[in-house]
Amino acid sequence: QVHLMESGGGSVEPGNSLTLSCVYSGVTDAYNTLGWVRQVPGKEREDVAGIYTGSEYQYYADSVKDRFTISLDKAYRTVYLQMNSLTPMDSGMYFCAAGAWGKFTSWGKGTQVTVSP
């Protein structure tokens, strides 16, 4: 059973940075993609970033490209999301996710990110 536990959310002012962490377990070879999705009330979940566990190829939503960086530490079974130059539009609940070929099928419970003056 996949287990994903996020941490690192919080409240920051615009322009600042946050790093989210997700410790994962139960991610078998059937799952080759780890990533982050975010949800704002009233909107659909948005895939923010993903990383293929084999090649560590990364991909990003256009809204976060060049500001966010996803990385993977297999030794510690942890996936990170470094978020820079945050804006209020980045506020939301961030979920760690696991899946295959870019399609996520398992999610953690989420961590809240709030960006406001």
C-alpha atoms as a PDB file:
ATOM      1  CA  GLN A   1       0.000   0.000   0.000  1.00  0.00           C
ATOM      2  CA  VAL A   2       1.342   3.397  -0.983  1.00  0.00           C
ATOM      3  CA  HIS A   3       1.855   5.836   1.833  1.00  0.00           C
ATOM      4  CA  LEU A   4       2.763   9.458   1.208  1.00  0.00           C
ATOM      5  CA  MET A   5       3.374  11.959   3.978  1.00  0.00           C
ATOM      6  CA  GLU A   6       3.898  15.635   3.223  1.00  0.00           C
ATOM      7  CA  SER A   7       5.480  18.332   5.338  1.00  0.00           C
ATOM      8  CA  GLY A   8       6.869  21.829   4.951  1.00  0.00           C
ATOM      9  CA  GLY A   9       3.810  23.900   4.190  1.00  0.00           C
ATOM     10  CA  GLY A  10       3.182  27.226   5.853  1.00  0.00           C
ATOM     11  CA  SER A  11       2.454  30.897   5.397  1.00  0.00           C
ATOM     12  CA  VAL A  12       4.891  33.192   3.621  1.00  0.00           C
ATOM     13  CA  GLU A  13       4.905  36.602   2.010  1.00  0.00           C
ATOM     14  CA  PRO A  14       5.055  36.972  -1.767  1.00  0.00           C
ATOM     15  CA  GLY A  15       8.530  36.587  -3.186  1.00  0.00           C
ATOM     16  CA  ASN A  16       9.656  34.159  -0.525  1.00  0.00           C
ATOM     17  CA  SER A  17      10.435  30.455  -0.761  1.00  0.00           C
ATOM     18  CA  LEU A  18       9.238  27.198   0.749  1.00  0.00           C
ATOM     19  CA  THR A  19      10.386  23.623   0.432  1.00  0.00           C
ATOM     20  CA  LEU A  20       7.897  20.803   0.668  1.00  0.00           C
ATOM     21  CA  SER A  21       8.965  17.273   1.533  1.00  0.00           C
ATOM     22  CA  CYS A  22       7.205  13.981   1.039  1.00  0.00           C
ATOM     23  CA  VAL A  23       8.333  10.717   2.550  1.00  0.00           C
ATOM     24  CA  TYR A  24       6.985   7.770   0.601  1.00  0.00           C
ATOM     25  CA  SER A  25       6.662   4.060   1.173  1.00  0.00           C
ATOM     26  CA  GLY A  26       5.040   1.171  -0.627  1.00  0.00           C
ATOM     27  CA  VAL A  27       5.958   2.678  -3.996  1.00  0.00           C
ATOM     28  CA  THR A  28       6.680  -0.402  -6.052  1.00  0.00           C
ATOM     29  CA  ASP A  29       8.060  -0.659  -9.556  1.00  0.00           C
ATOM     30  CA  ALA A  30       4.494  -0.241 -10.803  1.00  0.00           C
ATOM     31  CA  TYR A  31       4.763   3.409  -9.830  1.00  0.00           C
ATOM     32  CA  ASN A  32       7.337   5.255 -11.902  1.00  0.00           C
ATOM     33  CA  THR A  33       6.213   8.802 -11.280  1.00  0.00           C
ATOM     34  CA  LEU A  34       6.214  10.892  -8.122  1.00  0.00           C
ATOM     35  CA  GLY A  35       5.042  14.449  -7.973  1.00  0.00           C
ATOM     36  CA  TRP A  36       3.070  17.254  -6.492  1.00  0.00           C
ATOM     37  CA  VAL A  37      -0.424  18.446  -7.205  1.00  0.00           C
ATOM     38  CA  ARG A  38      -2.208  21.413  -5.704  1.00  0.00           C
ATOM     39  CA  GLN A  39      -5.812  22.248  -5.161  1.00  0.00           C
ATOM     40  CA  VAL A  40      -7.482  25.566  -4.604  1.00  0.00           C
ATOM     41  CA  PRO A  41     -11.062  25.533  -3.287  1.00  0.00           C
ATOM     42  CA  GLY A  42     -13.480  25.590  -6.169  1.00  0.00           C
ATOM     43  CA  LYS A  43     -10.882  24.542  -8.734  1.00  0.00           C
ATOM     44  CA  GLU A  44      -9.670  21.219 -10.039  1.00  0.00           C
ATOM     45  CA  ARG A  45      -6.445  19.726  -8.835  1.00  0.00           C
ATOM     46  CA  GLU A  46      -3.456  20.887 -10.857  1.00  0.00           C
ATOM     47  CA  ASP A  47      -0.421  18.740 -11.493  1.00  0.00           C
ATOM     48  CA  VAL A  48       2.373  21.085 -10.459  1.00  0.00           C
ATOM     49  CA  ALA A  49       5.459  18.945 -10.990  1.00  0.00           C
ATOM     50  CA  GLY A  50       6.473  15.365 -11.550  1.00  0.00           C
ATOM     51  CA  ILE A  51       9.614  13.281 -11.652  1.00  0.00           C
ATOM     52  CA  TYR A  52      10.170   9.871 -13.166  1.00  0.00           C
ATOM     53  CA  THR A  53      11.810   7.639 -10.581  1.00  0.00           C
ATOM     54  CA  GLY A  54      14.067   5.862 -13.052  1.00  0.00           C
ATOM     55  CA  SER A  55      15.505   8.631 -15.199  1.00  0.00           C
ATOM     56  CA  GLU A  56      14.636  11.444 -12.772  1.00  0.00           C
ATOM     57  CA  TYR A  57      13.243  13.354 -15.730  1.00  0.00           C
ATOM     58  CA  GLN A  58      11.261  16.291 -14.406  1.00  0.00           C
ATOM     59  CA  TYR A  59       8.258  18.133 -15.780  1.00  0.00           C
ATOM     60  CA  TYR A  60       6.369  21.171 -14.589  1.00  0.00           C
ATOM     61  CA  ALA A  61       3.142  23.036 -15.078  1.00  0.00           C
ATOM     62  CA  ASP A  62       3.654  26.228 -17.067  1.00  0.00           C
ATOM     63  CA  SER A  63       2.461  28.230 -14.063  1.00  0.00           C
ATOM     64  CA  VAL A  64       5.461  27.140 -11.959  1.00  0.00           C
ATOM     65  CA  LYS A  65       8.168  26.527 -14.546  1.00  0.00           C
ATOM     66  CA  ASP A  66      11.458  28.237 -13.692  1.00  0.00           C
ATOM     67  CA  ARG A  67      10.270  28.870 -10.119  1.00  0.00           C
ATOM     68  CA  PHE A  68       9.688  25.392  -8.716  1.00  0.00           C
ATOM     69  CA  THR A  69      12.109  22.469  -8.669  1.00  0.00           C
ATOM     70  CA  ILE A  70      11.233  18.881  -7.909  1.00  0.00           C
ATOM     71  CA  SER A  71      13.883  16.459  -6.735  1.00  0.00           C
ATOM     72  CA  LEU A  72      14.121  12.911  -5.465  1.00  0.00           C
ATOM     73  CA  ASP A  73      16.294  11.335  -2.799  1.00  0.00           C
ATOM     74  CA  LYS A  74      15.836   7.604  -3.203  1.00  0.00           C
ATOM     75  CA  ALA A  75      18.051   6.768  -0.237  1.00  0.00           C
ATOM     76  CA  TYR A  76      15.695   8.643   2.064  1.00  0.00           C
ATOM     77  CA  ARG A  77      12.562   7.847   0.037  1.00  0.00           C
ATOM     78  CA  THR A  78      11.783  11.533  -0.102  1.00  0.00           C
ATOM     79  CA  VAL A  79      10.592  13.785  -2.892  1.00  0.00           C
ATOM     80  CA  TYR A  80      11.009  17.529  -2.525  1.00  0.00           C
ATOM     81  CA  LEU A  81       9.430  20.578  -4.078  1.00  0.00           C
ATOM     82  CA  GLN A  82      11.508  23.727  -3.834  1.00  0.00           C
ATOM     83  CA  MET A  83       9.239  26.702  -4.459  1.00  0.00           C
ATOM     84  CA  ASN A  84      10.780  30.097  -5.152  1.00  0.00           C
ATOM     85  CA  SER A  85       9.325  33.502  -5.954  1.00  0.00           C
ATOM     86  CA  LEU A  86       5.995  32.521  -4.497  1.00  0.00           C
ATOM     87  CA  THR A  87       2.898  34.515  -5.360  1.00  0.00           C
ATOM     88  CA  PRO A  88      -0.617  34.484  -3.893  1.00  0.00           C
ATOM     89  CA  MET A  89      -1.641  32.386  -6.909  1.00  0.00           C
ATOM     90  CA  ASP A  90       0.521  29.592  -5.515  1.00  0.00           C
ATOM     91  CA  SER A  91      -1.622  29.305  -2.402  1.00  0.00           C
ATOM     92  CA  GLY A  92      -3.432  26.025  -1.972  1.00  0.00           C
ATOM     93  CA  MET A  93      -3.277  22.544  -0.574  1.00  0.00           C
ATOM     94  CA  TYR A  94      -0.299  20.662  -1.924  1.00  0.00           C
ATOM     95  CA  PHE A  95      -0.519  16.894  -2.220  1.00  0.00           C
ATOM     96  CA  CYS A  96       2.298  14.483  -2.798  1.00  0.00           C
ATOM     97  CA  ALA A  97       1.319  11.984  -5.468  1.00  0.00           C
ATOM     98  CA  ALA A  98       2.440   8.697  -6.960  1.00  0.00           C
ATOM     99  CA  GLY A  99       1.481   7.050 -10.212  1.00  0.00           C
ATOM    100  CA  ALA A 100       2.677   5.742 -13.524  1.00  0.00           C
ATOM    101  CA  TRP A 101       3.690   7.563 -16.693  1.00  0.00           C
ATOM    102  CA  GLY A 102       2.580  10.929 -15.373  1.00  0.00           C
ATOM    103  CA  LYS A 103      -0.863   9.819 -14.235  1.00  0.00           C
ATOM    104  CA  PHE A 104      -1.222  10.010 -10.481  1.00  0.00           C
ATOM    105  CA  THR A 105      -3.340   7.451  -8.677  1.00  0.00           C
ATOM    106  CA  SER A 106      -2.345   7.877  -5.034  1.00  0.00           C
ATOM    107  CA  TRP A 107      -2.134  11.021  -2.959  1.00  0.00           C
ATOM    108  CA  GLY A 108      -1.099  12.023   0.524  1.00  0.00           C
ATOM    109  CA  LYS A 109      -3.227  14.057   2.894  1.00  0.00           C
ATOM    110  CA  GLY A 110      -1.716  17.345   1.815  1.00  0.00           C
ATOM    111  CA  THR A 111       0.037  20.335   3.314  1.00  0.00           C
ATOM    112  CA  GLN A 112      -1.283  23.894   3.143  1.00  0.00           C
ATOM    113  CA  VAL A 113       0.667  26.692   1.480  1.00  0.00           C
ATOM    114  CA  THR A 114      -0.520  30.255   1.958  1.00  0.00           C
ATOM    115  CA  VAL A 115       1.141  33.192   0.235  1.00  0.00           C
ATOM    116  CA  SER A 116      -0.092  36.581   1.346  1.00  0.00           C
ATOM    117  CA  PRO A 117       1.316  40.016   2.215  1.00  0.00           C
END
